[in-house]
Amino acid sequence: MRDEQTLRVRTKRFAIAIIRMCVSLPPTDEARVIKRQLLRSGTSPGAHCREAFRSRSDAEMISKLETLLQELDESVYWMELLVESEIAPAARLEPLMAEADELLAMGVASVRTIKRRRR
């Protein structure tokens, strides 16, 4: 239960941090395109996490958590693009990227635990 709450709280905080960071991006065409993608992928892990912990089966929970992992990985990609294209400073995105990596590790561990439990 504690791990569930931790993941739920952290994915929600991550979404809020993504929203706040995106608001600060410059109003260029390039930034707008990436911002839309990042807003979508960066806010959806929290929703998938909530769905996962309301799942009716282990298989459904694994599916939702694996989608959460895909969205987090995609978020890292968009943040890398922002840094490498010099739209946003690395210092602004490094904490978000580190949090995404930690959330990925937590999600992977959760999926492994559920799969082990199913055997």
PDB file of N, CA and C in Angstrom:
ATOM      1  N   MET A   1       0.820  -1.197   0.000  1.00  0.00           N
ATOM      2  CA  MET A   1       0.000   0.000   0.000  1.00  0.00           C
ATOM      3  C   MET A   1       0.864   1.262   0.000  1.00  0.00           C
ATOM      4  N   ARG A   2       1.967   1.233   0.767  1.00  0.00           N
ATOM      5  CA  ARG A   2       2.847   2.404   0.842  1.00  0.00           C
ATOM      6  C   ARG A   2       3.451   2.714  -0.526  1.00  0.00           C
ATOM      7  N   ASP A   3       3.911   1.663  -1.241  1.00  0.00           N
ATOM      8  CA  ASP A   3       4.484   1.870  -2.572  1.00  0.00           C
ATOM      9  C   ASP A   3       3.459   2.451  -3.526  1.00  0.00           C
ATOM     10  N   GLU A   4       2.224   1.973  -3.419  1.00  0.00           N
ATOM     11  CA  GLU A   4       1.144   2.485  -4.265  1.00  0.00           C
ATOM     12  C   GLU A   4       0.967   3.981  -4.030  1.00  0.00           C
ATOM     13  N   GLN A   5       0.888   4.381  -2.785  1.00  0.00           N
ATOM     14  CA  GLN A   5       0.693   5.794  -2.465  1.00  0.00           C
ATOM     15  C   GLN A   5       1.880   6.629  -2.938  1.00  0.00           C
ATOM     16  N   THR A   6       3.090   6.115  -2.734  1.00  0.00           N
ATOM     17  CA  THR A   6       4.286   6.842  -3.153  1.00  0.00           C
ATOM     18  C   THR A   6       4.280   7.070  -4.661  1.00  0.00           C
ATOM     19  N   LEU A   7       4.004   6.031  -5.427  1.00  0.00           N
ATOM     20  CA  LEU A   7       3.983   6.165  -6.887  1.00  0.00           C
ATOM     21  C   LEU A   7       2.873   7.104  -7.325  1.00  0.00           C
ATOM     22  N   ARG A   8       1.716   7.000  -6.700  1.00  0.00           N
ATOM     23  CA  ARG A   8       0.593   7.884  -7.055  1.00  0.00           C
ATOM     24  C   ARG A   8       0.932   9.339  -6.773  1.00  0.00           C
ATOM     25  N   VAL A   9       1.490   9.606  -5.615  1.00  0.00           N
ATOM     26  CA  VAL A   9       1.833  10.982  -5.234  1.00  0.00           C
ATOM     27  C   VAL A   9       2.930  11.526  -6.147  1.00  0.00           C
ATOM     28  N   ARG A  10       3.940  10.721  -6.393  1.00  0.00           N
ATOM     29  CA  ARG A  10       5.072  11.210  -7.193  1.00  0.00           C
ATOM     30  C   ARG A  10       4.712  11.408  -8.654  1.00  0.00           C
ATOM     31  N   THR A  11       3.861  10.555  -9.222  1.00  0.00           N
ATOM     32  CA  THR A  11       3.472  10.769 -10.621  1.00  0.00           C
ATOM     33  C   THR A  11       2.607  12.016 -10.757  1.00  0.00           C
ATOM     34  N   LYS A  12       1.809  12.294  -9.741  1.00  0.00           N
ATOM     35  CA  LYS A  12       0.995  13.518  -9.773  1.00  0.00           C
ATOM     36  C   LYS A  12       1.891  14.751  -9.644  1.00  0.00           C
ATOM     37  N   ARG A  13       2.846  14.710  -8.724  1.00  0.00           N
ATOM     38  CA  ARG A  13       3.790  15.825  -8.579  1.00  0.00           C
ATOM     39  C   ARG A  13       4.597  16.030  -9.855  1.00  0.00           C
ATOM     40  N   PHE A  14       4.963  14.923 -10.495  1.00  0.00           N
ATOM     41  CA  PHE A  14       5.710  14.997 -11.751  1.00  0.00           C
ATOM     42  C   PHE A  14       4.867  15.720 -12.805  1.00  0.00           C
ATOM     43  N   ALA A  15       3.600  15.381 -12.889  1.00  0.00           N
ATOM     44  CA  ALA A  15       2.698  16.025 -13.855  1.00  0.00           C
ATOM     45  C   ALA A  15       2.625  17.530 -13.608  1.00  0.00           C
ATOM     46  N   ILE A  16       2.501  17.913 -12.362  1.00  0.00           N
ATOM     47  CA  ILE A  16       2.420  19.335 -12.024  1.00  0.00           C
ATOM     48  C   ILE A  16       3.720  20.046 -12.389  1.00  0.00           C
ATOM     49  N   ALA A  17       4.851  19.398 -12.121  1.00  0.00           N
ATOM     50  CA  ALA A  17       6.154  19.993 -12.467  1.00  0.00           C
ATOM     51  C   ALA A  17       6.301  20.138 -13.977  1.00  0.00           C
ATOM     52  N   ILE A  18       5.813  19.165 -14.724  1.00  0.00           N
ATOM     53  CA  ILE A  18       5.859  19.237 -16.195  1.00  0.00           C
ATOM     54  C   ILE A  18       5.010  20.411 -16.679  1.00  0.00           C
ATOM     55  N   ILE A  19       3.819  20.548 -16.133  1.00  0.00           N
ATOM     56  CA  ILE A  19       2.934  21.655 -16.523  1.00  0.00           C
ATOM     57  C   ILE A  19       3.624  22.989 -16.262  1.00  0.00           C
ATOM     58  N   ARG A  20       4.182  23.133 -15.082  1.00  0.00           N
ATOM     59  CA  ARG A  20       4.839  24.394 -14.723  1.00  0.00           C
ATOM     60  C   ARG A  20       6.037  24.683 -15.625  1.00  0.00           C
ATOM     61  N   MET A  21       6.800  23.654 -15.944  1.00  0.00           N
ATOM     62  CA  MET A  21       7.949  23.845 -16.822  1.00  0.00           C
ATOM     63  C   MET A  21       7.491  24.234 -18.224  1.00  0.00           C
ATOM     64  N   CYS A  22       6.453  23.590 -18.719  1.00  0.00           N
ATOM     65  CA  CYS A  22       5.964  23.876 -20.072  1.00  0.00           C
ATOM     66  C   CYS A  22       5.444  25.304 -20.195  1.00  0.00           C
ATOM     67  N   VAL A  23       4.843  25.812 -19.142  1.00  0.00           N
ATOM     68  CA  VAL A  23       4.345  27.189 -19.141  1.00  0.00           C
ATOM     69  C   VAL A  23       5.501  28.172 -19.372  1.00  0.00           C
ATOM     70  N   SER A  24       6.689  27.795 -18.918  1.00  0.00           N
ATOM     71  CA  SER A  24       7.838  28.692 -19.018  1.00  0.00           C
ATOM     72  C   SER A  24       8.575  28.621 -20.356  1.00  0.00           C
ATOM     73  N   LEU A  25       8.160  27.722 -21.236  1.00  0.00           N
ATOM     74  CA  LEU A  25       8.848  27.593 -22.531  1.00  0.00           C
ATOM     75  C   LEU A  25       8.571  28.815 -23.410  1.00  0.00           C
ATOM     76  N   PRO A  26       9.521  29.135 -24.286  1.00  0.00           N
ATOM     77  CA  PRO A  26       9.317  30.294 -25.161  1.00  0.00           C
ATOM     78  C   PRO A  26       8.181  30.046 -26.157  1.00  0.00           C
ATOM     79  N   PRO A  27       7.580  31.114 -26.675  1.00  0.00           N
ATOM     80  CA  PRO A  27       6.433  30.964 -27.582  1.00  0.00           C
ATOM     81  C   PRO A  27       6.829  30.747 -29.049  1.00  0.00           C
ATOM     82  N   THR A  28       7.863  29.936 -29.296  1.00  0.00           N
ATOM     83  CA  THR A  28       8.268  29.651 -30.678  1.00  0.00           C
ATOM     84  C   THR A  28       7.475  28.459 -31.208  1.00  0.00           C
ATOM     85  N   ASP A  29       7.438  28.309 -32.525  1.00  0.00           N
ATOM     86  CA  ASP A  29       6.736  27.169 -33.120  1.00  0.00           C
ATOM     87  C   ASP A  29       7.326  25.840 -32.640  1.00  0.00           C
ATOM     88  N   GLU A  30       8.661  25.765 -32.606  1.00  0.00           N
ATOM     89  CA  GLU A  30       9.330  24.530 -32.189  1.00  0.00           C
ATOM     90  C   GLU A  30       8.979  24.174 -30.744  1.00  0.00           C
ATOM     91  N   ALA A  31       9.035  25.165 -29.884  1.00  0.00           N
ATOM     92  CA  ALA A  31       8.722  24.922 -28.473  1.00  0.00           C
ATOM     93  C   ALA A  31       7.267  24.500 -28.301  1.00  0.00           C
ATOM     94  N   ARG A  32       6.367  25.101 -29.060  1.00  0.00           N
ATOM     95  CA  ARG A  32       4.945  24.752 -28.957  1.00  0.00           C
ATOM     96  C   ARG A  32       4.694  23.293 -29.334  1.00  0.00           C
ATOM     97  N   VAL A  33       5.365  22.831 -30.392  1.00  0.00           N
ATOM     98  CA  VAL A  33       5.172  21.440 -30.833  1.00  0.00           C
ATOM     99  C   VAL A  33       5.642  20.476 -29.749  1.00  0.00           C
ATOM    100  N   ILE A  34       6.834  20.707 -29.229  1.00  0.00           N
ATOM    101  CA  ILE A  34       7.375  19.821 -28.195  1.00  0.00           C
ATOM    102  C   ILE A  34       6.574  19.947 -26.909  1.00  0.00           C
ATOM    103  N   LYS A  35       6.164  21.157 -26.571  1.00  0.00           N
ATOM    104  CA  LYS A  35       5.379  21.375 -25.349  1.00  0.00           C
ATOM    105  C   LYS A  35       4.104  20.553 -25.361  1.00  0.00           C
ATOM    106  N   ARG A  36       3.404  20.536 -26.480  1.00  0.00           N
ATOM    107  CA  ARG A  36       2.158  19.758 -26.559  1.00  0.00           C
ATOM    108  C   ARG A  36       2.424  18.272 -26.326  1.00  0.00           C
ATOM    109  N   GLN A  37       3.487  17.773 -26.935  1.00  0.00           N
ATOM    110  CA  GLN A  37       3.834  16.357 -26.773  1.00  0.00           C
ATOM    111  C   GLN A  37       4.222  16.051 -25.328  1.00  0.00           C
ATOM    112  N   LEU A  38       5.040  16.940 -24.744  1.00  0.00           N
ATOM    113  CA  LEU A  38       5.508  16.732 -23.378  1.00  0.00           C
ATOM    114  C   LEU A  38       4.364  16.863 -22.371  1.00  0.00           C
ATOM    115  N   LEU A  39       3.479  17.801 -22.598  1.00  0.00           N
ATOM    116  CA  LEU A  39       2.327  17.928 -21.697  1.00  0.00           C
ATOM    117  C   LEU A  39       1.497  16.642 -21.689  1.00  0.00           C
ATOM    118  N   ARG A  40       1.301  16.072 -22.860  1.00  0.00           N
ATOM    119  CA  ARG A  40       0.510  14.842 -22.951  1.00  0.00           C
ATOM    120  C   ARG A  40       1.239  13.679 -22.278  1.00  0.00           C
ATOM    121  N   SER A  41       2.504  13.466 -22.659  1.00  0.00           N
ATOM    122  CA  SER A  41       3.221  12.307 -22.119  1.00  0.00           C
ATOM    123  C   SER A  41       3.616  12.497 -20.658  1.00  0.00           C
ATOM    124  N   GLY A  42       3.834  13.730 -20.233  1.00  0.00           N
ATOM    125  CA  GLY A  42       4.268  13.975 -18.861  1.00  0.00           C
ATOM    126  C   GLY A  42       3.155  13.983 -17.836  1.00  0.00           C
ATOM    127  N   THR A  43       1.934  14.190 -18.295  1.00  0.00           N
ATOM    128  CA  THR A  43       0.812  14.186 -17.348  1.00  0.00           C
ATOM    129  C   THR A  43       0.082  12.842 -17.311  1.00  0.00           C
ATOM    130  N   SER A  44       0.235  12.037 -18.346  1.00  0.00           N
ATOM    131  CA  SER A  44      -0.506  10.773 -18.380  1.00  0.00           C
ATOM    132  C   SER A  44      -0.002   9.690 -17.424  1.00  0.00           C
ATOM    133  N   PRO A  45       1.277   9.659 -17.012  1.00  0.00           N
ATOM    134  CA  PRO A  45       1.671   8.609 -16.067  1.00  0.00           C
ATOM    135  C   PRO A  45       0.853   8.626 -14.770  1.00  0.00           C
ATOM    136  N   GLY A  46       0.506   9.794 -14.289  1.00  0.00           N
ATOM    137  CA  GLY A  46      -0.306   9.874 -13.079  1.00  0.00           C
ATOM    138  C   GLY A  46      -1.675   9.236 -13.270  1.00  0.00           C
ATOM    139  N   ALA A  47      -2.272   9.489 -14.422  1.00  0.00           N
ATOM    140  CA  ALA A  47      -3.581   8.891 -14.708  1.00  0.00           C
ATOM    141  C   ALA A  47      -3.470   7.372 -14.847  1.00  0.00           C
ATOM    142  N   HIS A  48      -2.417   6.906 -15.522  1.00  0.00           N
ATOM    143  CA  HIS A  48      -2.234   5.458 -15.678  1.00  0.00           C
ATOM    144  C   HIS A  48      -1.944   4.800 -14.337  1.00  0.00           C
ATOM    145  N   CYS A  49      -1.241   5.504 -13.476  1.00  0.00           N
ATOM    146  CA  CYS A  49      -0.968   4.975 -12.145  1.00  0.00           C
ATOM    147  C   CYS A  49      -2.271   4.788 -11.372  1.00  0.00           C
ATOM    148  N   ARG A  50      -3.123   5.784 -11.412  1.00  0.00           N
ATOM    149  CA  ARG A  50      -4.419   5.679 -10.724  1.00  0.00           C
ATOM    150  C   ARG A  50      -5.227   4.507 -11.277  1.00  0.00           C
ATOM    151  N   GLU A  51      -5.228   4.377 -12.603  1.00  0.00           N
ATOM    152  CA  GLU A  51      -5.951   3.269 -13.220  1.00  0.00           C
ATOM    153  C   GLU A  51      -5.352   1.925 -12.821  1.00  0.00           C
ATOM    154  N   ALA A  52      -4.019   1.862 -12.756  1.00  0.00           N
ATOM    155  CA  ALA A  52      -3.353   0.601 -12.418  1.00  0.00           C
ATOM    156  C   ALA A  52      -3.779   0.098 -11.049  1.00  0.00           C
ATOM    157  N   PHE A  53      -3.839   1.001 -10.090  1.00  0.00           N
ATOM    158  CA  PHE A  53      -4.176   0.577  -8.738  1.00  0.00           C
ATOM    159  C   PHE A  53      -5.682   0.392  -8.513  1.00  0.00           C
ATOM    160  N   ARG A  54      -6.441   0.572  -9.567  1.00  0.00           N
ATOM    161  CA  ARG A  54      -7.872   0.248  -9.526  1.00  0.00           C
ATOM    162  C   ARG A  54      -8.181  -0.949 -10.448  1.00  0.00           C
ATOM    163  N   SER A  55      -7.135  -1.596 -10.900  1.00  0.00           N
ATOM    164  CA  SER A  55      -7.293  -2.714 -11.837  1.00  0.00           C
ATOM    165  C   SER A  55      -8.045  -3.872 -11.219  1.00  0.00           C
ATOM    166  N   ARG A  56      -8.695  -4.613 -12.095  1.00  0.00           N
ATOM    167  CA  ARG A  56      -9.452  -5.782 -11.651  1.00  0.00           C
ATOM    168  C   ARG A  56      -8.621  -7.051 -11.658  1.00  0.00           C
ATOM    169  N   SER A  57      -7.451  -6.994 -12.289  1.00  0.00           N
ATOM    170  CA  SER A  57      -6.602  -8.187 -12.360  1.00  0.00           C
ATOM    171  C   SER A  57      -5.142  -7.767 -12.425  1.00  0.00           C
ATOM    172  N   ASP A  58      -4.270  -8.721 -12.159  1.00  0.00           N
ATOM    173  CA  ASP A  58      -2.840  -8.458 -12.270  1.00  0.00           C
ATOM    174  C   ASP A  58      -2.461  -8.111 -13.713  1.00  0.00           C
ATOM    175  N   ALA A  59      -3.077  -8.801 -14.666  1.00  0.00           N
ATOM    176  CA  ALA A  59      -2.764  -8.533 -16.072  1.00  0.00           C
ATOM    177  C   ALA A  59      -3.127  -7.102 -16.450  1.00  0.00           C
ATOM    178  N   GLU A  60      -4.268  -6.649 -15.980  1.00  0.00           N
ATOM    179  CA  GLU A  60      -4.681  -5.276 -16.269  1.00  0.00           C
ATOM    180  C   GLU A  60      -3.739  -4.286 -15.584  1.00  0.00           C
ATOM    181  N   MET A  61      -3.327  -4.583 -14.362  1.00  0.00           N
ATOM    182  CA  MET A  61      -2.417  -3.699 -13.640  1.00  0.00           C
ATOM    183  C   MET A  61      -1.073  -3.615 -14.364  1.00  0.00           C
ATOM    184  N   ILE A  62      -0.562  -4.747 -14.814  1.00  0.00           N
ATOM    185  CA  ILE A  62       0.703  -4.762 -15.550  1.00  0.00           C
ATOM    186  C   ILE A  62       0.580  -3.927 -16.813  1.00  0.00           C
ATOM    187  N   SER A  63      -0.507  -4.080 -17.523  1.00  0.00           N
ATOM    188  CA  SER A  63      -0.720  -3.317 -18.748  1.00  0.00           C
ATOM    189  C   SER A  63      -0.697  -1.813 -18.478  1.00  0.00           C
ATOM    190  N   LYS A  64      -1.405  -1.376 -17.442  1.00  0.00           N
ATOM    191  CA  LYS A  64      -1.446   0.055 -17.106  1.00  0.00           C
ATOM    192  C   LYS A  64      -0.083   0.557 -16.670  1.00  0.00           C
ATOM    193  N   LEU A  65       0.628  -0.234 -15.873  1.00  0.00           N
ATOM    194  CA  LEU A  65       1.956   0.182 -15.431  1.00  0.00           C
ATOM    195  C   LEU A  65       2.941   0.233 -16.591  1.00  0.00           C
ATOM    196  N   GLU A  66       2.826  -0.694 -17.524  1.00  0.00           N
ATOM    197  CA  GLU A  66       3.718  -0.666 -18.681  1.00  0.00           C
ATOM    198  C   GLU A  66       3.421   0.541 -19.570  1.00  0.00           C
ATOM    199  N   THR A  67       2.174   0.958 -19.645  1.00  0.00           N
ATOM    200  CA  THR A  67       1.837   2.180 -20.373  1.00  0.00           C
ATOM    201  C   THR A  67       2.420   3.388 -19.656  1.00  0.00           C
ATOM    202  N   LEU A  68       2.346   3.397 -18.336  1.00  0.00           N
ATOM    203  CA  LEU A  68       2.965   4.444 -17.528  1.00  0.00           C
ATOM    204  C   LEU A  68       4.454   4.542 -17.869  1.00  0.00           C
ATOM    205  N   LEU A  69       5.132   3.395 -17.970  1.00  0.00           N
ATOM    206  CA  LEU A  69       6.560   3.371 -18.289  1.00  0.00           C
ATOM    207  C   LEU A  69       6.835   3.943 -19.682  1.00  0.00           C
ATOM    208  N   GLN A  70       5.998   3.595 -20.625  1.00  0.00           N
ATOM    209  CA  GLN A  70       6.168   4.127 -21.987  1.00  0.00           C
ATOM    210  C   GLN A  70       6.032   5.643 -22.004  1.00  0.00           C
ATOM    211  N   GLU A  71       5.054   6.159 -21.301  1.00  0.00           N
ATOM    212  CA  GLU A  71       4.825   7.601 -21.279  1.00  0.00           C
ATOM    213  C   GLU A  71       5.966   8.341 -20.571  1.00  0.00           C
ATOM    214  N   LEU A  72       6.494   7.767 -19.499  1.00  0.00           N
ATOM    215  CA  LEU A  72       7.635   8.384 -18.824  1.00  0.00           C
ATOM    216  C   LEU A  72       8.850   8.425 -19.738  1.00  0.00           C
ATOM    217  N   ASP A  73       9.089   7.318 -20.442  1.00  0.00           N
ATOM    218  CA  ASP A  73      10.227   7.268 -21.361  1.00  0.00           C
ATOM    219  C   ASP A  73      10.056   8.293 -22.482  1.00  0.00           C
ATOM    220  N   GLU A  74       8.850   8.422 -22.985  1.00  0.00           N
ATOM    221  CA  GLU A  74       8.584   9.418 -24.020  1.00  0.00           C
ATOM    222  C   GLU A  74       8.813  10.834 -23.476  1.00  0.00           C
ATOM    223  N   SER A  75       8.431  11.063 -22.251  1.00  0.00           N
ATOM    224  CA  SER A  75       8.646  12.376 -21.630  1.00  0.00           C
ATOM    225  C   SER A  75      10.131  12.716 -21.579  1.00  0.00           C
ATOM    226  N   VAL A  76      10.939  11.742 -21.218  1.00  0.00           N
ATOM    227  CA  VAL A  76      12.398  11.960 -21.187  1.00  0.00           C
ATOM    228  C   VAL A  76      12.886  12.330 -22.584  1.00  0.00           C
ATOM    229  N   TYR A  77      12.375  11.666 -23.591  1.00  0.00           N
ATOM    230  CA  TYR A  77      12.763  11.968 -24.975  1.00  0.00           C
ATOM    231  C   TYR A  77      12.476  13.435 -25.314  1.00  0.00           C
ATOM    232  N   TRP A  78      11.261  13.904 -25.005  1.00  0.00           N
ATOM    233  CA  TRP A  78      10.902  15.289 -25.329  1.00  0.00           C
ATOM    234  C   TRP A  78      11.758  16.272 -24.535  1.00  0.00           C
ATOM    235  N   MET A  79      12.066  15.931 -23.294  1.00  0.00           N
ATOM    236  CA  MET A  79      12.926  16.814 -22.510  1.00  0.00           C
ATOM    237  C   MET A  79      14.346  16.843 -23.069  1.00  0.00           C
ATOM    238  N   GLU A  80      14.830  15.698 -23.527  1.00  0.00           N
ATOM    239  CA  GLU A  80      16.146  15.662 -24.177  1.00  0.00           C
ATOM    240  C   GLU A  80      16.153  16.556 -25.410  1.00  0.00           C
ATOM    241  N   LEU A  81      15.079  16.518 -26.187  1.00  0.00           N
ATOM    242  CA  LEU A  81      14.989  17.379 -27.368  1.00  0.00           C
ATOM    243  C   LEU A  81      15.016  18.856 -26.990  1.00  0.00           C
ATOM    244  N   LEU A  82      14.322  19.216 -25.930  1.00  0.00           N
ATOM    245  CA  LEU A  82      14.322  20.612 -25.483  1.00  0.00           C
ATOM    246  C   LEU A  82      15.736  21.072 -25.123  1.00  0.00           C
ATOM    247  N   VAL A  83      16.466  20.212 -24.450  1.00  0.00           N
ATOM    248  CA  VAL A  83      17.838  20.565 -24.046  1.00  0.00           C
ATOM    249  C   VAL A  83      18.767  20.592 -25.257  1.00  0.00           C
ATOM    250  N   GLU A  84      18.742  19.532 -26.047  1.00  0.00           N
ATOM    251  CA  GLU A  84      19.679  19.413 -27.159  1.00  0.00           C
ATOM    252  C   GLU A  84      19.416  20.424 -28.269  1.00  0.00           C
ATOM    253  N   SER A  85      18.194  20.899 -28.387  1.00  0.00           N
ATOM    254  CA  SER A  85      17.884  21.936 -29.380  1.00  0.00           C
ATOM    255  C   SER A  85      18.043  23.337 -28.785  1.00  0.00           C
ATOM    256  N   GLU A  86      18.427  23.383 -27.518  1.00  0.00           N
ATOM    257  CA  GLU A  86      18.681  24.629 -26.796  1.00  0.00           C
ATOM    258  C   GLU A  86      17.434  25.515 -26.654  1.00  0.00           C
ATOM    259  N   ILE A  87      16.286  24.864 -26.603  1.00  0.00           N
ATOM    260  CA  ILE A  87      15.040  25.592 -26.357  1.00  0.00           C
ATOM    261  C   ILE A  87      14.912  25.875 -24.857  1.00  0.00           C
ATOM    262  N   ALA A  88      15.367  24.932 -24.054  1.00  0.00           N
ATOM    263  CA  ALA A  88      15.307  25.075 -22.600  1.00  0.00           C
ATOM    264  C   ALA A  88      16.661  24.694 -22.009  1.00  0.00           C
ATOM    265  N   PRO A  89      17.046  25.328 -20.909  1.00  0.00           N
ATOM    266  CA  PRO A  89      18.340  25.016 -20.303  1.00  0.00           C
ATOM    267  C   PRO A  89      18.344  23.651 -19.611  1.00  0.00           C
ATOM    268  N   ALA A  90      19.453  22.966 -19.709  1.00  0.00           N
ATOM    269  CA  ALA A  90      19.593  21.648 -19.090  1.00  0.00           C
ATOM    270  C   ALA A  90      19.324  21.711 -17.590  1.00  0.00           C
ATOM    271  N   ALA A  91      19.780  22.765 -16.950  1.00  0.00           N
ATOM    272  CA  ALA A  91      19.598  22.891 -15.503  1.00  0.00           C
ATOM    273  C   ALA A  91      18.117  22.879 -15.115  1.00  0.00           C
ATOM    274  N   ARG A  92      17.272  23.379 -15.974  1.00  0.00           N
ATOM    275  CA  ARG A  92      15.825  23.422 -15.708  1.00  0.00           C
ATOM    276  C   ARG A  92      15.194  22.037 -15.836  1.00  0.00           C
ATOM    277  N   LEU A  93      15.749  21.216 -16.747  1.00  0.00           N
ATOM    278  CA  LEU A  93      15.132  19.924 -17.032  1.00  0.00           C
ATOM    279  C   LEU A  93      15.777  18.746 -16.318  1.00  0.00           C
ATOM    280  N   GLU A  94      17.011  18.900 -15.869  1.00  0.00           N
ATOM    281  CA  GLU A  94      17.697  17.775 -15.225  1.00  0.00           C
ATOM    282  C   GLU A  94      16.938  17.210 -14.022  1.00  0.00           C
ATOM    283  N   PRO A  95      16.377  18.049 -13.137  1.00  0.00           N
ATOM    284  CA  PRO A  95      15.616  17.470 -12.018  1.00  0.00           C
ATOM    285  C   PRO A  95      14.382  16.681 -12.486  1.00  0.00           C
ATOM    286  N   LEU A  96      13.717  17.158 -13.513  1.00  0.00           N
ATOM    287  CA  LEU A  96      12.555  16.441 -14.051  1.00  0.00           C
ATOM    288  C   LEU A  96      12.973  15.127 -14.697  1.00  0.00           C
ATOM    289  N   MET A  97      14.084  15.147 -15.398  1.00  0.00           N
ATOM    290  CA  MET A  97      14.573  13.922 -16.034  1.00  0.00           C
ATOM    291  C   MET A  97      15.013  12.908 -14.976  1.00  0.00           C
ATOM    292  N   ALA A  98      15.630  13.388 -13.897  1.00  0.00           N
ATOM    293  CA  ALA A  98      16.033  12.493 -12.812  1.00  0.00           C
ATOM    294  C   ALA A  98      14.807  11.878 -12.139  1.00  0.00           C
ATOM    295  N   GLU A  99      13.776  12.681 -11.928  1.00  0.00           N
ATOM    296  CA  GLU A  99      12.542  12.160 -11.331  1.00  0.00           C
ATOM    297  C   GLU A  99      11.890  11.138 -12.255  1.00  0.00           C
ATOM    298  N   ALA A 100      11.897  11.406 -13.554  1.00  0.00           N
ATOM    299  CA  ALA A 100      11.345  10.439 -14.509  1.00  0.00           C
ATOM    300  C   ALA A 100      12.105   9.123 -14.424  1.00  0.00           C
ATOM    301  N   ASP A 101      13.428   9.191 -14.316  1.00  0.00           N
ATOM    302  CA  ASP A 101      14.231   7.969 -14.193  1.00  0.00           C
ATOM    303  C   ASP A 101      13.878   7.196 -12.922  1.00  0.00           C
ATOM    304  N   GLU A 102      13.689   7.913 -11.820  1.00  0.00           N
ATOM    305  CA  GLU A 102      13.314   7.246 -10.570  1.00  0.00           C
ATOM    306  C   GLU A 102      11.930   6.619 -10.669  1.00  0.00           C
ATOM    307  N   LEU A 103      11.004   7.337 -11.285  1.00  0.00           N
ATOM    308  CA  LEU A 103       9.659   6.789 -11.470  1.00  0.00           C
ATOM    309  C   LEU A 103       9.692   5.567 -12.382  1.00  0.00           C
ATOM    310  N   LEU A 104      10.531   5.613 -13.407  1.00  0.00           N
ATOM    311  CA  LEU A 104      10.693   4.448 -14.283  1.00  0.00           C
ATOM    312  C   LEU A 104      11.177   3.246 -13.475  1.00  0.00           C
ATOM    313  N   ALA A 105      12.166   3.457 -12.629  1.00  0.00           N
ATOM    314  CA  ALA A 105      12.695   2.362 -11.808  1.00  0.00           C
ATOM    315  C   ALA A 105      11.626   1.801 -10.881  1.00  0.00           C
ATOM    316  N   MET A 106      10.839   2.683 -10.288  1.00  0.00           N
ATOM    317  CA  MET A 106       9.756   2.228  -9.411  1.00  0.00           C
ATOM    318  C   MET A 106       8.717   1.428 -10.190  1.00  0.00           C
ATOM    319  N   GLY A 107       8.382   1.912 -11.379  1.00  0.00           N
ATOM    320  CA  GLY A 107       7.394   1.210 -12.198  1.00  0.00           C
ATOM    321  C   GLY A 107       7.884  -0.150 -12.647  1.00  0.00           C
ATOM    322  N   VAL A 108       9.142  -0.223 -13.061  1.00  0.00           N
ATOM    323  CA  VAL A 108       9.728  -1.503 -13.477  1.00  0.00           C
ATOM    324  C   VAL A 108       9.717  -2.487 -12.305  1.00  0.00           C
ATOM    325  N   ALA A 109      10.091  -2.007 -11.123  1.00  0.00           N
ATOM    326  CA  ALA A 109      10.096  -2.873  -9.939  1.00  0.00           C
ATOM    327  C   ALA A 109       8.687  -3.368  -9.624  1.00  0.00           C
ATOM    328  N   SER A 110       7.705  -2.513  -9.770  1.00  0.00           N
ATOM    329  CA  SER A 110       6.318  -2.915  -9.513  1.00  0.00           C
ATOM    330  C   SER A 110       5.867  -3.994 -10.491  1.00  0.00           C
ATOM    331  N   VAL A 111       6.179  -3.799 -11.756  1.00  0.00           N
ATOM    332  CA  VAL A 111       5.794  -4.790 -12.773  1.00  0.00           C
ATOM    333  C   VAL A 111       6.473  -6.125 -12.487  1.00  0.00           C
ATOM    334  N   ARG A 112       7.751  -6.098 -12.156  1.00  0.00           N
ATOM    335  CA  ARG A 112       8.477  -7.343 -11.854  1.00  0.00           C
ATOM    336  C   ARG A 112       7.861  -8.052 -10.649  1.00  0.00           C
ATOM    337  N   THR A 113       7.514  -7.301  -9.627  1.00  0.00           N
ATOM    338  CA  THR A 113       6.914  -7.889  -8.425  1.00  0.00           C
ATOM    339  C   THR A 113       5.591  -8.570  -8.763  1.00  0.00           C
ATOM    340  N   ILE A 114       4.770  -7.902  -9.546  1.00  0.00           N
ATOM    341  CA  ILE A 114       3.465  -8.472  -9.910  1.00  0.00           C
ATOM    342  C   ILE A 114       3.660  -9.728 -10.761  1.00  0.00           C
ATOM    343  N   LYS A 115       4.594  -9.673 -11.702  1.00  0.00           N
ATOM    344  CA  LYS A 115       4.834 -10.854 -12.558  1.00  0.00           C
ATOM    345  C   LYS A 115       5.363 -12.025 -11.736  1.00  0.00           C
ATOM    346  N   ARG A 116       6.237 -11.753 -10.762  1.00  0.00           N
ATOM    347  CA  ARG A 116       6.749 -12.816  -9.886  1.00  0.00           C
ATOM    348  C   ARG A 116       5.603 -13.425  -9.066  1.00  0.00           C
ATOM    349  N   ARG A 117       4.734 -12.572  -8.588  1.00  0.00           N
ATOM    350  CA  ARG A 117       3.608 -13.007  -7.767  1.00  0.00           C
ATOM    351  C   ARG A 117       2.663 -13.923  -8.567  1.00  0.00           C
ATOM    352  N   ARG A 118       2.572 -13.668  -9.859  1.00  0.00           N
ATOM    353  CA  ARG A 118       1.657 -14.438 -10.716  1.00  0.00           C
ATOM    354  C   ARG A 118       2.150 -15.852 -10.978  1.00  0.00           C
ATOM    355  N   ARG A 119       3.448 -16.071 -10.844  1.00  0.00           N
ATOM    356  CA  ARG A 119       4.026 -17.398 -11.188  1.00  0.00           C
ATOM    357  C   ARG A 119       3.670 -18.459 -10.206  1.00  0.00           C
TER     358      ARG A 119
END
